[in-house]
Amino acid sequence: MTLPYCRMLASSWGFAYYAVQFGGACFGSNDLERAARLGPSSSCNMGCTGRPSDLEECGGAWANSIYLTAAREQGAARVRACICR
C-alpha cells in the first residue's frame, strides 16, 4: 500500500478522509470525529509496505495515520499526526 493509492481508493469511494494502519491497511471515512475518537498516539512509526524506502508514514499497530483526500495536487495532507484505533 502507498499513500497515493489509498487516497485514490478512498476518494473514488467518496470519502473525505483516508487512513493507513500497520503499514498497509487502507480505510476511508467522512467522519473525522469518529475516526479520531480515541485520541493521539505515538505509534505511527511504520513505513508503507508499497514503498518501504520512502518516508511515507503508514500508521502502526492499532494506530492510523489520517489524511485528507481532497489534497491530491498538494500530496498527502496530514489531518492529525497519529490516531489510536
C-alpha atoms as a PDB file:
ATOM      1  CA  MET A   1       0.000   0.000   0.000  1.00  0.00           C
ATOM      2  CA  THR A   2       1.094   3.560  -0.677  1.00  0.00           C
ATOM      3  CA  LEU A   3      -0.466   6.849   0.414  1.00  0.00           C
ATOM      4  CA  PRO A   4      -1.370   7.879  -3.161  1.00  0.00           C
ATOM      5  CA  TYR A   5      -3.060   4.520  -3.809  1.00  0.00           C
ATOM      6  CA  CYS A   6      -5.053   4.592  -0.561  1.00  0.00           C
ATOM      7  CA  ARG A   7      -6.025   8.226  -1.263  1.00  0.00           C
ATOM      8  CA  MET A   8      -7.224   7.249  -4.752  1.00  0.00           C
ATOM      9  CA  LEU A   9      -9.304   4.362  -3.361  1.00  0.00           C
ATOM     10  CA  ALA A  10     -10.894   6.444  -0.600  1.00  0.00           C
ATOM     11  CA  SER A  11     -11.574   9.332  -2.972  1.00  0.00           C
ATOM     12  CA  SER A  12     -13.187   7.027  -5.540  1.00  0.00           C
ATOM     13  CA  TRP A  13     -15.467   5.693  -2.794  1.00  0.00           C
ATOM     14  CA  GLY A  14     -16.477   9.279  -1.935  1.00  0.00           C
ATOM     15  CA  PHE A  15     -14.638   9.574   1.384  1.00  0.00           C
ATOM     16  CA  ALA A  16     -13.236  12.899   2.619  1.00  0.00           C
ATOM     17  CA  TYR A  17     -10.516  11.245   4.739  1.00  0.00           C
ATOM     18  CA  TYR A  18      -8.323   8.201   4.434  1.00  0.00           C
ATOM     19  CA  ALA A  19      -6.154   6.399   6.932  1.00  0.00           C
ATOM     20  CA  VAL A  20      -3.417   3.818   6.738  1.00  0.00           C
ATOM     21  CA  GLN A  21      -2.677   1.392   9.556  1.00  0.00           C
ATOM     22  CA  PHE A  22       0.058  -1.163  10.222  1.00  0.00           C
ATOM     23  CA  GLY A  23       1.976  -0.280   7.069  1.00  0.00           C
ATOM     24  CA  GLY A  24      -0.711  -1.171   4.564  1.00  0.00           C
ATOM     25  CA  ALA A  25      -4.335  -1.382   5.733  1.00  0.00           C
ATOM     26  CA  CYS A  26      -6.344   1.369   3.976  1.00  0.00           C
ATOM     27  CA  PHE A  27      -9.525   2.892   5.423  1.00  0.00           C
ATOM     28  CA  GLY A  28     -11.861   5.688   4.309  1.00  0.00           C
ATOM     29  CA  SER A  29     -14.287   7.860   6.283  1.00  0.00           C
ATOM     30  CA  ASN A  30     -16.345  11.029   6.103  1.00  0.00           C
ATOM     31  CA  ASP A  31     -16.424  11.379   9.897  1.00  0.00           C
ATOM     32  CA  LEU A  32     -13.161  12.742  11.308  1.00  0.00           C
ATOM     33  CA  GLU A  33     -14.556  12.932  14.843  1.00  0.00           C
ATOM     34  CA  ARG A  34     -15.344   9.216  14.828  1.00  0.00           C
ATOM     35  CA  ALA A  35     -12.006   8.328  13.258  1.00  0.00           C
ATOM     36  CA  ALA A  36     -10.142  10.335  15.901  1.00  0.00           C
ATOM     37  CA  ARG A  37     -12.284   9.441  18.917  1.00  0.00           C
ATOM     38  CA  LEU A  38      -9.541   7.580  20.784  1.00  0.00           C
ATOM     39  CA  GLY A  39      -7.105  10.472  20.527  1.00  0.00           C
ATOM     40  CA  PRO A  40      -3.465  10.925  19.558  1.00  0.00           C
ATOM     41  CA  SER A  41      -0.927   8.145  19.541  1.00  0.00           C
ATOM     42  CA  SER A  42       2.838   7.946  19.188  1.00  0.00           C
ATOM     43  CA  SER A  43       2.608   4.546  17.474  1.00  0.00           C
ATOM     44  CA  CYS A  44       2.585   5.691  13.824  1.00  0.00           C
ATOM     45  CA  ASN A  45       6.083   4.517  13.098  1.00  0.00           C
ATOM     46  CA  MET A  46       5.690   2.113  10.188  1.00  0.00           C
ATOM     47  CA  GLY A  47       6.647   2.801   6.616  1.00  0.00           C
ATOM     48  CA  CYS A  48       4.268   1.898   3.806  1.00  0.00           C
ATOM     49  CA  THR A  49       4.565  -1.660   2.505  1.00  0.00           C
ATOM     50  CA  GLY A  50       4.327  -0.455  -1.104  1.00  0.00           C
ATOM     51  CA  ARG A  51       7.248   1.962  -0.756  1.00  0.00           C
ATOM     52  CA  PRO A  52       9.407   0.850   2.169  1.00  0.00           C
ATOM     53  CA  SER A  53      12.295   3.127   1.174  1.00  0.00           C
ATOM     54  CA  ASP A  54      10.136   6.291   1.100  1.00  0.00           C
ATOM     55  CA  LEU A  55       9.450   8.448   4.106  1.00  0.00           C
ATOM     56  CA  GLU A  56       5.695   7.881   3.908  1.00  0.00           C
ATOM     57  CA  GLU A  57       4.119   7.149   7.265  1.00  0.00           C
ATOM     58  CA  CYS A  58       1.505   4.382   7.196  1.00  0.00           C
ATOM     59  CA  GLY A  59       0.369   4.123  10.774  1.00  0.00           C
ATOM     60  CA  GLY A  60       1.407   1.457  13.217  1.00  0.00           C
ATOM     61  CA  ALA A  61      -0.013  -1.307  15.366  1.00  0.00           C
ATOM     62  CA  TRP A  62      -3.590  -0.200  16.188  1.00  0.00           C
ATOM     63  CA  ALA A  63      -2.755   3.358  15.114  1.00  0.00           C
ATOM     64  CA  ASN A  64      -3.903   5.210  11.982  1.00  0.00           C
ATOM     65  CA  SER A  65      -2.155   7.941  10.034  1.00  0.00           C
ATOM     66  CA  ILE A  66      -5.110  10.048   8.839  1.00  0.00           C
ATOM     67  CA  TYR A  67      -5.048  12.226   5.725  1.00  0.00           C
ATOM     68  CA  LEU A  68      -7.407  14.413   3.682  1.00  0.00           C
ATOM     69  CA  THR A  69      -8.373  13.024   0.250  1.00  0.00           C
ATOM     70  CA  ALA A  70      -9.078  16.453  -1.323  1.00  0.00           C
ATOM     71  CA  ALA A  71      -5.408  17.459  -1.248  1.00  0.00           C
ATOM     72  CA  ARG A  72      -4.463  15.454  -4.351  1.00  0.00           C
ATOM     73  CA  GLU A  73      -2.493  18.225  -6.016  1.00  0.00           C
ATOM     74  CA  GLN A  74      -0.586  19.009  -2.832  1.00  0.00           C
ATOM     75  CA  GLY A  75       0.374  15.442  -1.999  1.00  0.00           C
ATOM     76  CA  ALA A  76      -0.692  13.864   1.275  1.00  0.00           C
ATOM     77  CA  ALA A  77      -2.159  16.474   3.599  1.00  0.00           C
ATOM     78  CA  ARG A  78      -1.944  15.230   7.155  1.00  0.00           C
ATOM     79  CA  VAL A  79      -5.021  15.881   9.260  1.00  0.00           C
ATOM     80  CA  ARG A  80      -3.691  14.536  12.547  1.00  0.00           C
ATOM     81  CA  ALA A  81      -0.236  13.190  13.312  1.00  0.00           C
ATOM     82  CA  CYS A  82      -1.360   9.796  14.530  1.00  0.00           C
ATOM     83  CA  ILE A  83      -4.612   8.491  15.986  1.00  0.00           C
ATOM     84  CA  CYS A  84      -5.211   5.399  18.089  1.00  0.00           C
ATOM     85  CA  ARG A  85      -7.645   2.977  16.561  1.00  0.00           C
END
